[in-house]
Amino acid sequence: MVENGIPVIIASRCHEGRTRPIYGGGSGGKDLADAGVIFSGDLSGLKARILASVLLGRGAGLEDFRREFESAAGGHSG
């Protein structure tokens, strides 16, 4: 999906904590980040979905998604 310019965002449903690309080994967050996935960082799944909806609504591209999520997620998405 990312290769086709479609943003893929990883978020958590946990009440606290952030998503970060730490572990590798073929199926971890580092591998997903290397594939171009965007991490929601400090944003909950609901907040990430709202931000994604706003960005889609204004026609944002993949790099716009990256920039906006890095800014909104506390700068911890990559």
PDB file of N, CA and C in Angstrom:
ATOM      1  N   MET A   1       0.820  -1.185   0.000  1.00  0.00           N
ATOM      2  CA  MET A   1       0.000   0.000   0.000  1.00  0.00           C
ATOM      3  C   MET A   1       0.867   1.253   0.000  1.00  0.00           C
ATOM      4  N   VAL A   2       1.888   1.277   0.851  1.00  0.00           N
ATOM      5  CA  VAL A   2       2.762   2.444   0.932  1.00  0.00           C
ATOM      6  C   VAL A   2       3.443   2.694  -0.410  1.00  0.00           C
ATOM      7  N   GLU A   3       3.857   1.626  -1.071  1.00  0.00           N
ATOM      8  CA  GLU A   3       4.511   1.775  -2.378  1.00  0.00           C
ATOM      9  C   GLU A   3       3.591   2.434  -3.399  1.00  0.00           C
ATOM     10  N   ASN A   4       2.285   2.323  -3.210  1.00  0.00           N
ATOM     11  CA  ASN A   4       1.303   2.937  -4.100  1.00  0.00           C
ATOM     12  C   ASN A   4       0.860   4.311  -3.612  1.00  0.00           C
ATOM     13  N   GLY A   5       1.542   4.852  -2.594  1.00  0.00           N
ATOM     14  CA  GLY A   5       1.233   6.187  -2.090  1.00  0.00           C
ATOM     15  C   GLY A   5       0.088   6.255  -1.108  1.00  0.00           C
ATOM     16  N   ILE A   6      -0.337   5.101  -0.607  1.00  0.00           N
ATOM     17  CA  ILE A   6      -1.432   5.053   0.370  1.00  0.00           C
ATOM     18  C   ILE A   6      -0.843   5.038   1.776  1.00  0.00           C
ATOM     19  N   PRO A   7      -1.196   6.022   2.615  1.00  0.00           N
ATOM     20  CA  PRO A   7      -0.640   6.047   3.969  1.00  0.00           C
ATOM     21  C   PRO A   7      -1.153   4.889   4.817  1.00  0.00           C
ATOM     22  N   VAL A   8      -0.239   4.243   5.523  1.00  0.00           N
ATOM     23  CA  VAL A   8      -0.571   3.183   6.474  1.00  0.00           C
ATOM     24  C   VAL A   8      -0.102   3.675   7.833  1.00  0.00           C
ATOM     25  N   ILE A   9      -1.025   3.734   8.783  1.00  0.00           N
ATOM     26  CA  ILE A   9      -0.732   4.297  10.096  1.00  0.00           C
ATOM     27  C   ILE A   9      -0.917   3.239  11.168  1.00  0.00           C
ATOM     28  N   ILE A  10       0.077   3.131  12.044  1.00  0.00           N
ATOM     29  CA  ILE A  10       0.022   2.190  13.174  1.00  0.00           C
ATOM     30  C   ILE A  10      -0.337   2.982  14.430  1.00  0.00           C
ATOM     31  N   ALA A  11      -1.409   2.569  15.089  1.00  0.00           N
ATOM     32  CA  ALA A  11      -1.845   3.198  16.334  1.00  0.00           C
ATOM     33  C   ALA A  11      -2.157   2.103  17.348  1.00  0.00           C
ATOM     34  N   SER A  12      -2.238   2.499  18.597  1.00  0.00           N
ATOM     35  CA  SER A  12      -2.527   1.552  19.664  1.00  0.00           C
ATOM     36  C   SER A  12      -3.899   1.839  20.263  1.00  0.00           C
ATOM     37  N   ARG A  13      -4.536   0.792  20.745  1.00  0.00           N
ATOM     38  CA  ARG A  13      -5.805   0.954  21.454  1.00  0.00           C
ATOM     39  C   ARG A  13      -5.588   1.005  22.969  1.00  0.00           C
ATOM     40  N   CYS A  14      -4.339   0.933  23.398  1.00  0.00           N
ATOM     41  CA  CYS A  14      -4.027   1.020  24.826  1.00  0.00           C
ATOM     42  C   CYS A  14      -4.324   2.427  25.336  1.00  0.00           C
ATOM     43  N   HIS A  15      -4.624   2.532  26.612  1.00  0.00           N
ATOM     44  CA  HIS A  15      -4.958   3.828  27.198  1.00  0.00           C
ATOM     45  C   HIS A  15      -3.745   4.737  27.319  1.00  0.00           C
ATOM     46  N   GLU A  16      -2.570   4.162  27.492  1.00  0.00           N
ATOM     47  CA  GLU A  16      -1.356   4.959  27.613  1.00  0.00           C
ATOM     48  C   GLU A  16      -0.237   4.307  26.823  1.00  0.00           C
ATOM     49  N   GLY A  17       0.735   5.121  26.488  1.00  0.00           N
ATOM     50  CA  GLY A  17       1.884   4.625  25.748  1.00  0.00           C
ATOM     51  C   GLY A  17       1.834   5.075  24.309  1.00  0.00           C
ATOM     52  N   ARG A  18       2.952   4.940  23.637  1.00  0.00           N
ATOM     53  CA  ARG A  18       3.029   5.379  22.251  1.00  0.00           C
ATOM     54  C   ARG A  18       3.464   4.239  21.364  1.00  0.00           C
ATOM     55  N   THR A  19       3.222   4.401  20.087  1.00  0.00           N
ATOM     56  CA  THR A  19       3.720   3.431  19.117  1.00  0.00           C
ATOM     57  C   THR A  19       5.056   3.946  18.604  1.00  0.00           C
ATOM     58  N   ARG A  20       6.028   3.044  18.569  1.00  0.00           N
ATOM     59  CA  ARG A  20       7.364   3.426  18.098  1.00  0.00           C
ATOM     60  C   ARG A  20       7.978   2.260  17.338  1.00  0.00           C
ATOM     61  N   PRO A  21       8.757   2.562  16.325  1.00  0.00           N
ATOM     62  CA  PRO A  21       9.408   1.510  15.544  1.00  0.00           C
ATOM     63  C   PRO A  21      10.691   1.035  16.216  1.00  0.00           C
ATOM     64  N   ILE A  22      10.574   0.107  17.164  1.00  0.00           N
ATOM     65  CA  ILE A  22      11.740  -0.315  17.934  1.00  0.00           C
ATOM     66  C   ILE A  22      12.263  -1.675  17.490  1.00  0.00           C
ATOM     67  N   TYR A  23      11.445  -2.686  17.508  1.00  0.00           N
ATOM     68  CA  TYR A  23      11.910  -4.045  17.276  1.00  0.00           C
ATOM     69  C   TYR A  23      11.928  -4.401  15.798  1.00  0.00           C
ATOM     70  N   GLY A  24      12.868  -5.246  15.415  1.00  0.00           N
ATOM     71  CA  GLY A  24      12.961  -5.735  14.041  1.00  0.00           C
ATOM     72  C   GLY A  24      12.711  -7.221  14.025  1.00  0.00           C
ATOM     73  N   GLY A  25      13.434  -7.916  13.188  1.00  0.00           N
ATOM     74  CA  GLY A  25      13.344  -9.364  13.167  1.00  0.00           C
ATOM     75  C   GLY A  25      12.294  -9.927  12.229  1.00  0.00           C
ATOM     76  N   GLY A  26      11.846  -9.149  11.255  1.00  0.00           N
ATOM     77  CA  GLY A  26      10.927  -9.691  10.278  1.00  0.00           C
ATOM     78  C   GLY A  26       9.469  -9.344  10.491  1.00  0.00           C
ATOM     79  N   SER A  27       9.096  -8.908  11.694  1.00  0.00           N
ATOM     80  CA  SER A  27       7.692  -8.566  11.904  1.00  0.00           C
ATOM     81  C   SER A  27       7.501  -7.467  12.939  1.00  0.00           C
ATOM     82  N   GLY A  28       8.564  -6.785  13.310  1.00  0.00           N
ATOM     83  CA  GLY A  28       8.464  -5.750  14.330  1.00  0.00           C
ATOM     84  C   GLY A  28       8.249  -4.366  13.758  1.00  0.00           C
ATOM     85  N   GLY A  29       8.125  -3.405  14.651  1.00  0.00           N
ATOM     86  CA  GLY A  29       7.889  -2.033  14.259  1.00  0.00           C
ATOM     87  C   GLY A  29       8.972  -1.438  13.393  1.00  0.00           C
ATOM     88  N   LYS A  30      10.221  -1.807  13.638  1.00  0.00           N
ATOM     89  CA  LYS A  30      11.331  -1.289  12.814  1.00  0.00           C
ATOM     90  C   LYS A  30      11.157  -1.730  11.374  1.00  0.00           C
ATOM     91  N   ASP A  31      10.759  -2.965  11.180  1.00  0.00           N
ATOM     92  CA  ASP A  31      10.544  -3.473   9.828  1.00  0.00           C
ATOM     93  C   ASP A  31       9.396  -2.728   9.147  1.00  0.00           C
ATOM     94  N   LEU A  32       8.359  -2.422   9.901  1.00  0.00           N
ATOM     95  CA  LEU A  32       7.236  -1.666   9.347  1.00  0.00           C
ATOM     96  C   LEU A  32       7.666  -0.246   8.972  1.00  0.00           C
ATOM     97  N   ALA A  33       8.466   0.381   9.841  1.00  0.00           N
ATOM     98  CA  ALA A  33       8.967   1.729   9.546  1.00  0.00           C
ATOM     99  C   ALA A  33       9.836   1.711   8.294  1.00  0.00           C
ATOM    100  N   ASP A  34      10.677   0.691   8.170  1.00  0.00           N
ATOM    101  CA  ASP A  34      11.524   0.566   6.986  1.00  0.00           C
ATOM    102  C   ASP A  34      10.685   0.415   5.716  1.00  0.00           C
ATOM    103  N   ALA A  35       9.491  -0.147   5.854  1.00  0.00           N
ATOM    104  CA  ALA A  35       8.585  -0.323   4.714  1.00  0.00           C
ATOM    105  C   ALA A  35       7.778   0.944   4.427  1.00  0.00           C
ATOM    106  N   GLY A  36       7.917   1.971   5.297  1.00  0.00           N
ATOM    107  CA  GLY A  36       7.249   3.239   5.051  1.00  0.00           C
ATOM    108  C   GLY A  36       5.988   3.499   5.846  1.00  0.00           C
ATOM    109  N   VAL A  37       5.693   2.630   6.817  1.00  0.00           N
ATOM    110  CA  VAL A  37       4.503   2.806   7.649  1.00  0.00           C
ATOM    111  C   VAL A  37       4.706   4.013   8.574  1.00  0.00           C
ATOM    112  N   ILE A  38       3.630   4.723   8.861  1.00  0.00           N
ATOM    113  CA  ILE A  38       3.656   5.882   9.747  1.00  0.00           C
ATOM    114  C   ILE A  38       3.156   5.448  11.122  1.00  0.00           C
ATOM    115  N   PHE A  39       3.870   5.831  12.172  1.00  0.00           N
ATOM    116  CA  PHE A  39       3.469   5.498  13.540  1.00  0.00           C
ATOM    117  C   PHE A  39       2.760   6.692  14.167  1.00  0.00           C
ATOM    118  N   SER A  40       1.692   6.418  14.914  1.00  0.00           N
ATOM    119  CA  SER A  40       0.899   7.496  15.503  1.00  0.00           C
ATOM    120  C   SER A  40       1.546   8.090  16.745  1.00  0.00           C
ATOM    121  N   GLY A  41       2.620   7.500  17.224  1.00  0.00           N
ATOM    122  CA  GLY A  41       3.315   8.056  18.388  1.00  0.00           C
ATOM    123  C   GLY A  41       2.406   8.153  19.588  1.00  0.00           C
ATOM    124  N   ASP A  42       2.237   9.360  20.115  1.00  0.00           N
ATOM    125  CA  ASP A  42       1.421   9.586  21.309  1.00  0.00           C
ATOM    126  C   ASP A  42      -0.076   9.667  21.017  1.00  0.00           C
ATOM    127  N   LEU A  43      -0.454   9.703  19.748  1.00  0.00           N
ATOM    128  CA  LEU A  43      -1.872   9.809  19.413  1.00  0.00           C
ATOM    129  C   LEU A  43      -2.580   8.473  19.587  1.00  0.00           C
ATOM    130  N   SER A  44      -3.745   8.510  20.211  1.00  0.00           N
ATOM    131  CA  SER A  44      -4.557   7.296  20.323  1.00  0.00           C
ATOM    132  C   SER A  44      -5.064   6.919  18.939  1.00  0.00           C
ATOM    133  N   GLY A  45      -5.610   5.728  18.821  1.00  0.00           N
ATOM    134  CA  GLY A  45      -6.165   5.292  17.549  1.00  0.00           C
ATOM    135  C   GLY A  45      -7.257   6.224  17.042  1.00  0.00           C
ATOM    136  N   LEU A  46      -8.117   6.685  17.944  1.00  0.00           N
ATOM    137  CA  LEU A  46      -9.199   7.591  17.559  1.00  0.00           C
ATOM    138  C   LEU A  46      -8.650   8.926  17.050  1.00  0.00           C
ATOM    139  N   LYS A  47      -7.685   9.479  17.765  1.00  0.00           N
ATOM    140  CA  LYS A  47      -7.097  10.749  17.331  1.00  0.00           C
ATOM    141  C   LYS A  47      -6.352  10.591  16.009  1.00  0.00           C
ATOM    142  N   ALA A  48      -5.674   9.459  15.840  1.00  0.00           N
ATOM    143  CA  ALA A  48      -4.976   9.201  14.577  1.00  0.00           C
ATOM    144  C   ALA A  48      -5.969   9.104  13.426  1.00  0.00           C
ATOM    145  N   ARG A  49      -7.094   8.489  13.688  1.00  0.00           N
ATOM    146  CA  ARG A  49      -8.124   8.361  12.650  1.00  0.00           C
ATOM    147  C   ARG A  49      -8.705   9.718  12.276  1.00  0.00           C
ATOM    148  N   ILE A  50      -8.928  10.564  13.260  1.00  0.00           N
ATOM    149  CA  ILE A  50      -9.452  11.903  12.984  1.00  0.00           C
ATOM    150  C   ILE A  50      -8.440  12.705  12.173  1.00  0.00           C
ATOM    151  N   LEU A  51      -7.174  12.670  12.567  1.00  0.00           N
ATOM    152  CA  LEU A  51      -6.138  13.378  11.818  1.00  0.00           C
ATOM    153  C   LEU A  51      -6.055  12.852  10.392  1.00  0.00           C
ATOM    154  N   ALA A  52      -6.095  11.537  10.224  1.00  0.00           N
ATOM    155  CA  ALA A  52      -6.046  10.948   8.879  1.00  0.00           C
ATOM    156  C   ALA A  52      -7.240  11.395   8.053  1.00  0.00           C
ATOM    157  N   SER A  53      -8.412  11.472   8.654  1.00  0.00           N
ATOM    158  CA  SER A  53      -9.619  11.917   7.941  1.00  0.00           C
ATOM    159  C   SER A  53      -9.476  13.356   7.468  1.00  0.00           C
ATOM    160  N   VAL A  54      -8.942  14.205   8.326  1.00  0.00           N
ATOM    161  CA  VAL A  54      -8.733  15.609   7.955  1.00  0.00           C
ATOM    162  C   VAL A  54      -7.742  15.704   6.802  1.00  0.00           C
ATOM    163  N   LEU A  55      -6.646  14.960   6.908  1.00  0.00           N
ATOM    164  CA  LEU A  55      -5.629  14.995   5.861  1.00  0.00           C
ATOM    165  C   LEU A  55      -6.163  14.460   4.535  1.00  0.00           C
ATOM    166  N   LEU A  56      -6.925  13.375   4.593  1.00  0.00           N
ATOM    167  CA  LEU A  56      -7.533  12.840   3.371  1.00  0.00           C
ATOM    168  C   LEU A  56      -8.495  13.850   2.764  1.00  0.00           C
ATOM    169  N   GLY A  57      -9.261  14.514   3.618  1.00  0.00           N
ATOM    170  CA  GLY A  57     -10.239  15.487   3.159  1.00  0.00           C
ATOM    171  C   GLY A  57      -9.615  16.666   2.432  1.00  0.00           C
ATOM    172  N   ARG A  58      -8.417  17.015   2.832  1.00  0.00           N
ATOM    173  CA  ARG A  58      -7.770  18.141   2.146  1.00  0.00           C
ATOM    174  C   ARG A  58      -6.811  17.682   1.052  1.00  0.00           C
ATOM    175  N   GLY A  59      -6.846  16.401   0.733  1.00  0.00           N
ATOM    176  CA  GLY A  59      -6.068  15.881  -0.388  1.00  0.00           C
ATOM    177  C   GLY A  59      -4.581  15.756  -0.120  1.00  0.00           C
ATOM    178  N   ALA A  60      -4.202  15.551   1.130  1.00  0.00           N
ATOM    179  CA  ALA A  60      -2.789  15.448   1.495  1.00  0.00           C
ATOM    180  C   ALA A  60      -2.151  14.205   0.875  1.00  0.00           C
ATOM    181  N   GLY A  61      -0.891  14.335   0.495  1.00  0.00           N
ATOM    182  CA  GLY A  61      -0.131  13.217  -0.021  1.00  0.00           C
ATOM    183  C   GLY A  61       0.595  12.485   1.097  1.00  0.00           C
ATOM    184  N   LEU A  62       1.297  11.436   0.736  1.00  0.00           N
ATOM    185  CA  LEU A  62       1.985  10.591   1.720  1.00  0.00           C
ATOM    186  C   LEU A  62       2.990  11.382   2.558  1.00  0.00           C
ATOM    187  N   GLU A  63       3.765  12.250   1.927  1.00  0.00           N
ATOM    188  CA  GLU A  63       4.752  13.034   2.688  1.00  0.00           C
ATOM    189  C   GLU A  63       4.072  14.035   3.608  1.00  0.00           C
ATOM    190  N   ASP A  64       2.920  14.558   3.198  1.00  0.00           N
ATOM    191  CA  ASP A  64       2.146  15.435   4.078  1.00  0.00           C
ATOM    192  C   ASP A  64       1.692  14.658   5.311  1.00  0.00           C
ATOM    193  N   PHE A  65       1.248  13.417   5.105  1.00  0.00           N
ATOM    194  CA  PHE A  65       0.853  12.560   6.232  1.00  0.00           C
ATOM    195  C   PHE A  65       2.020  12.377   7.191  1.00  0.00           C
ATOM    196  N   ARG A  66       3.177  12.049   6.644  1.00  0.00           N
ATOM    197  CA  ARG A  66       4.361  11.845   7.502  1.00  0.00           C
ATOM    198  C   ARG A  66       4.647  13.086   8.340  1.00  0.00           C
ATOM    199  N   ARG A  67       4.697  14.220   7.681  1.00  0.00           N
ATOM    200  CA  ARG A  67       5.026  15.470   8.368  1.00  0.00           C
ATOM    201  C   ARG A  67       3.990  15.789   9.447  1.00  0.00           C
ATOM    202  N   GLU A  68       2.718  15.689   9.116  1.00  0.00           N
ATOM    203  CA  GLU A  68       1.662  16.028  10.071  1.00  0.00           C
ATOM    204  C   GLU A  68       1.629  15.049  11.247  1.00  0.00           C
ATOM    205  N   PHE A  69       1.827  13.768  10.981  1.00  0.00           N
ATOM    206  CA  PHE A  69       1.825  12.805  12.078  1.00  0.00           C
ATOM    207  C   PHE A  69       3.046  12.964  12.960  1.00  0.00           C
ATOM    208  N   GLU A  70       4.200  13.262  12.377  1.00  0.00           N
ATOM    209  CA  GLU A  70       5.393  13.496  13.190  1.00  0.00           C
ATOM    210  C   GLU A  70       5.180  14.703  14.097  1.00  0.00           C
ATOM    211  N   SER A  71       4.560  15.741  13.562  1.00  0.00           N
ATOM    212  CA  SER A  71       4.296  16.933  14.347  1.00  0.00           C
ATOM    213  C   SER A  71       3.263  16.668  15.457  1.00  0.00           C
ATOM    214  N   ALA A  72       2.144  16.037  15.093  1.00  0.00           N
ATOM    215  CA  ALA A  72       1.056  15.813  16.049  1.00  0.00           C
ATOM    216  C   ALA A  72       1.379  14.702  17.046  1.00  0.00           C
ATOM    217  N   ALA A  73       2.235  13.770  16.666  1.00  0.00           N
ATOM    218  CA  ALA A  73       2.516  12.607  17.513  1.00  0.00           C
ATOM    219  C   ALA A  73       3.674  12.846  18.476  1.00  0.00           C
ATOM    220  N   GLY A  74       4.068  14.050  18.636  1.00  0.00           N
ATOM    221  CA  GLY A  74       5.132  14.335  19.583  1.00  0.00           C
ATOM    222  C   GLY A  74       6.525  14.112  19.032  1.00  0.00           C
ATOM    223  N   GLY A  75       6.638  13.991  17.702  1.00  0.00           N
ATOM    224  CA  GLY A  75       7.940  13.822  17.069  1.00  0.00           C
ATOM    225  C   GLY A  75       8.588  12.483  17.297  1.00  0.00           C
ATOM    226  N   HIS A  76       7.813  11.461  17.715  1.00  0.00           N
ATOM    227  CA  HIS A  76       8.369  10.153  18.034  1.00  0.00           C
ATOM    228  C   HIS A  76       7.955   9.092  17.029  1.00  0.00           C
ATOM    229  N   SER A  77       7.576   9.458  15.814  1.00  0.00           N
ATOM    230  CA  SER A  77       7.067   8.452  14.901  1.00  0.00           C
ATOM    231  C   SER A  77       8.129   7.849  14.015  1.00  0.00           C
ATOM    232  N   GLY A  78       9.351   8.185  14.136  1.00  0.00           N
ATOM    233  CA  GLY A  78      10.356   7.590  13.284  1.00  0.00           C
ATOM    234  C   GLY A  78      11.672   7.879  13.789  1.00  0.00           C
TER     235      GLY A  78
END
